[in-house]
Amino acid sequence: MAELDHKQRLLVNNWQKKYHRLSNVFIDSLVGLTAWETILALGNARKQIEKA
């Protein structure tokens, strides 16, 4: 997770505390996204988990 910027690390850590642990593949896919794009990706992940 060293490649994520500070805001992304905070978003991912908070999300994992509240919902579910994320895979390294998913976290790596967030590298290079803006904070807003990261929030959208995490929201989509939450929706997928709720469907399962």
N, C-alpha and C. Protein backbone atom coordinates (compact mmCIF):
# COMPACT_ATOMS: atom_id res chain seq x y z
N MET A 1 0.82 -1.19 0.00
CA MET A 1 0.00 0.00 0.00
C MET A 1 0.87 1.26 0.00
N ALA A 2 2.16 1.12 -0.16
CA ALA A 2 3.07 2.25 -0.11
C ALA A 2 2.90 3.18 -1.32
N GLU A 3 2.32 2.67 -2.40
CA GLU A 3 2.19 3.47 -3.60
C GLU A 3 0.99 4.41 -3.57
N LEU A 4 0.05 4.18 -2.65
CA LEU A 4 -1.10 5.06 -2.55
C LEU A 4 -0.68 6.36 -1.88
N ASP A 5 -1.32 7.45 -2.26
CA ASP A 5 -1.00 8.71 -1.58
C ASP A 5 -1.68 8.72 -0.20
N HIS A 6 -1.38 9.73 0.58
CA HIS A 6 -1.84 9.78 1.97
C HIS A 6 -3.36 9.74 2.08
N LYS A 7 -4.06 10.51 1.26
CA LYS A 7 -5.53 10.52 1.32
C LYS A 7 -6.11 9.16 0.97
N GLN A 8 -5.53 8.52 -0.05
CA GLN A 8 -6.01 7.21 -0.44
C GLN A 8 -5.79 6.19 0.67
N ARG A 9 -4.63 6.24 1.33
CA ARG A 9 -4.37 5.32 2.43
C ARG A 9 -5.40 5.50 3.55
N LEU A 10 -5.72 6.75 3.87
CA LEU A 10 -6.72 7.01 4.89
C LEU A 10 -8.09 6.46 4.48
N LEU A 11 -8.47 6.70 3.24
CA LEU A 11 -9.75 6.21 2.74
C LEU A 11 -9.83 4.68 2.80
N VAL A 12 -8.78 4.02 2.33
CA VAL A 12 -8.76 2.56 2.31
C VAL A 12 -8.76 2.01 3.74
N ASN A 13 -7.94 2.56 4.62
CA ASN A 13 -7.89 2.08 6.00
C ASN A 13 -9.23 2.25 6.70
N ASN A 14 -9.86 3.40 6.54
CA ASN A 14 -11.17 3.63 7.16
C ASN A 14 -12.22 2.69 6.59
N TRP A 15 -12.18 2.48 5.28
CA TRP A 15 -13.15 1.60 4.63
C TRP A 15 -13.00 0.18 5.17
N GLN A 16 -11.75 -0.29 5.29
CA GLN A 16 -11.50 -1.65 5.76
C GLN A 16 -11.94 -1.83 7.22
N LYS A 17 -11.81 -0.79 8.03
CA LYS A 17 -12.27 -0.88 9.41
C LYS A 17 -13.79 -1.00 9.47
N LYS A 18 -14.48 -0.29 8.59
CA LYS A 18 -15.94 -0.25 8.64
C LYS A 18 -16.59 -1.43 7.92
N TYR A 19 -16.02 -1.86 6.81
CA TYR A 19 -16.68 -2.88 5.99
C TYR A 19 -15.94 -4.21 5.98
N HIS A 20 -14.97 -4.34 5.14
CA HIS A 20 -14.35 -5.64 4.91
C HIS A 20 -12.92 -5.42 4.41
N ARG A 21 -12.05 -6.34 4.72
CA ARG A 21 -10.67 -6.27 4.25
C ARG A 21 -10.64 -6.34 2.72
N LEU A 22 -9.83 -5.49 2.10
CA LEU A 22 -9.72 -5.47 0.64
C LEU A 22 -8.50 -6.27 0.20
N SER A 23 -8.60 -6.86 -0.98
CA SER A 23 -7.47 -7.62 -1.50
C SER A 23 -6.37 -6.67 -1.97
N ASN A 24 -5.15 -7.19 -2.00
CA ASN A 24 -4.02 -6.38 -2.48
C ASN A 24 -4.20 -6.00 -3.94
N VAL A 25 -4.83 -6.86 -4.71
CA VAL A 25 -5.06 -6.57 -6.13
C VAL A 25 -5.98 -5.34 -6.26
N PHE A 26 -7.04 -5.32 -5.45
CA PHE A 26 -7.95 -4.18 -5.50
C PHE A 26 -7.24 -2.90 -5.06
N ILE A 27 -6.48 -2.99 -3.97
CA ILE A 27 -5.76 -1.81 -3.47
C ILE A 27 -4.76 -1.32 -4.51
N ASP A 28 -4.05 -2.24 -5.14
CA ASP A 28 -3.09 -1.85 -6.19
C ASP A 28 -3.78 -1.18 -7.36
N SER A 29 -5.03 -1.56 -7.62
CA SER A 29 -5.75 -0.95 -8.75
C SER A 29 -6.13 0.50 -8.47
N LEU A 30 -6.06 0.92 -7.22
CA LEU A 30 -6.39 2.30 -6.86
C LEU A 30 -5.24 3.27 -7.08
N VAL A 31 -4.04 2.74 -7.30
CA VAL A 31 -2.87 3.59 -7.48
C VAL A 31 -3.06 4.48 -8.71
N GLY A 32 -2.83 5.77 -8.53
CA GLY A 32 -2.94 6.72 -9.63
C GLY A 32 -4.31 7.37 -9.76
N LEU A 33 -5.29 6.89 -9.00
CA LEU A 33 -6.62 7.49 -9.05
C LEU A 33 -6.65 8.73 -8.16
N THR A 34 -7.58 9.62 -8.44
CA THR A 34 -7.78 10.78 -7.57
C THR A 34 -8.54 10.31 -6.33
N ALA A 35 -8.64 11.18 -5.33
CA ALA A 35 -9.39 10.84 -4.12
C ALA A 35 -10.84 10.55 -4.47
N TRP A 36 -11.42 11.34 -5.35
CA TRP A 36 -12.82 11.14 -5.74
C TRP A 36 -13.00 9.80 -6.46
N GLU A 37 -12.11 9.46 -7.36
CA GLU A 37 -12.19 8.18 -8.06
C GLU A 37 -12.03 7.01 -7.08
N THR A 38 -11.19 7.20 -6.07
CA THR A 38 -11.01 6.18 -5.04
C THR A 38 -12.30 5.98 -4.26
N ILE A 39 -12.95 7.07 -3.90
CA ILE A 39 -14.23 6.99 -3.18
C ILE A 39 -15.27 6.24 -4.03
N LEU A 40 -15.32 6.55 -5.30
CA LEU A 40 -16.27 5.87 -6.18
C LEU A 40 -15.98 4.37 -6.28
N ALA A 41 -14.71 4.02 -6.39
CA ALA A 41 -14.32 2.61 -6.48
C ALA A 41 -14.68 1.87 -5.19
N LEU A 42 -14.44 2.51 -4.04
CA LEU A 42 -14.78 1.88 -2.77
C LEU A 42 -16.29 1.73 -2.62
N GLY A 43 -17.04 2.71 -3.12
CA GLY A 43 -18.50 2.61 -3.10
C GLY A 43 -19.00 1.46 -3.95
N ASN A 44 -18.40 1.28 -5.11
CA ASN A 44 -18.78 0.16 -5.97
C ASN A 44 -18.45 -1.17 -5.30
N ALA A 45 -17.30 -1.24 -4.61
CA ALA A 45 -16.93 -2.47 -3.90
C ALA A 45 -17.95 -2.77 -2.80
N ARG A 46 -18.38 -1.74 -2.08
CA ARG A 46 -19.36 -1.94 -1.02
C ARG A 46 -20.68 -2.48 -1.58
N LYS A 47 -21.10 -1.93 -2.71
CA LYS A 47 -22.34 -2.41 -3.34
C LYS A 47 -22.22 -3.89 -3.75
N GLN A 48 -21.05 -4.26 -4.27
CA GLN A 48 -20.84 -5.66 -4.67
C GLN A 48 -20.86 -6.59 -3.47
N ILE A 49 -20.29 -6.15 -2.37
CA ILE A 49 -20.28 -6.98 -1.16
C ILE A 49 -21.69 -7.13 -0.61
N GLU A 50 -22.48 -6.05 -0.66
CA GLU A 50 -23.85 -6.11 -0.15
C GLU A 50 -24.71 -7.05 -1.00
N LYS A 51 -24.42 -7.15 -2.29
CA LYS A 51 -25.19 -8.05 -3.17
C LYS A 51 -24.88 -9.50 -2.87
N ALA A 52 -23.66 -9.77 -2.44
CA ALA A 52 -23.23 -11.17 -2.21
C ALA A 52 -23.85 -11.80 -1.00
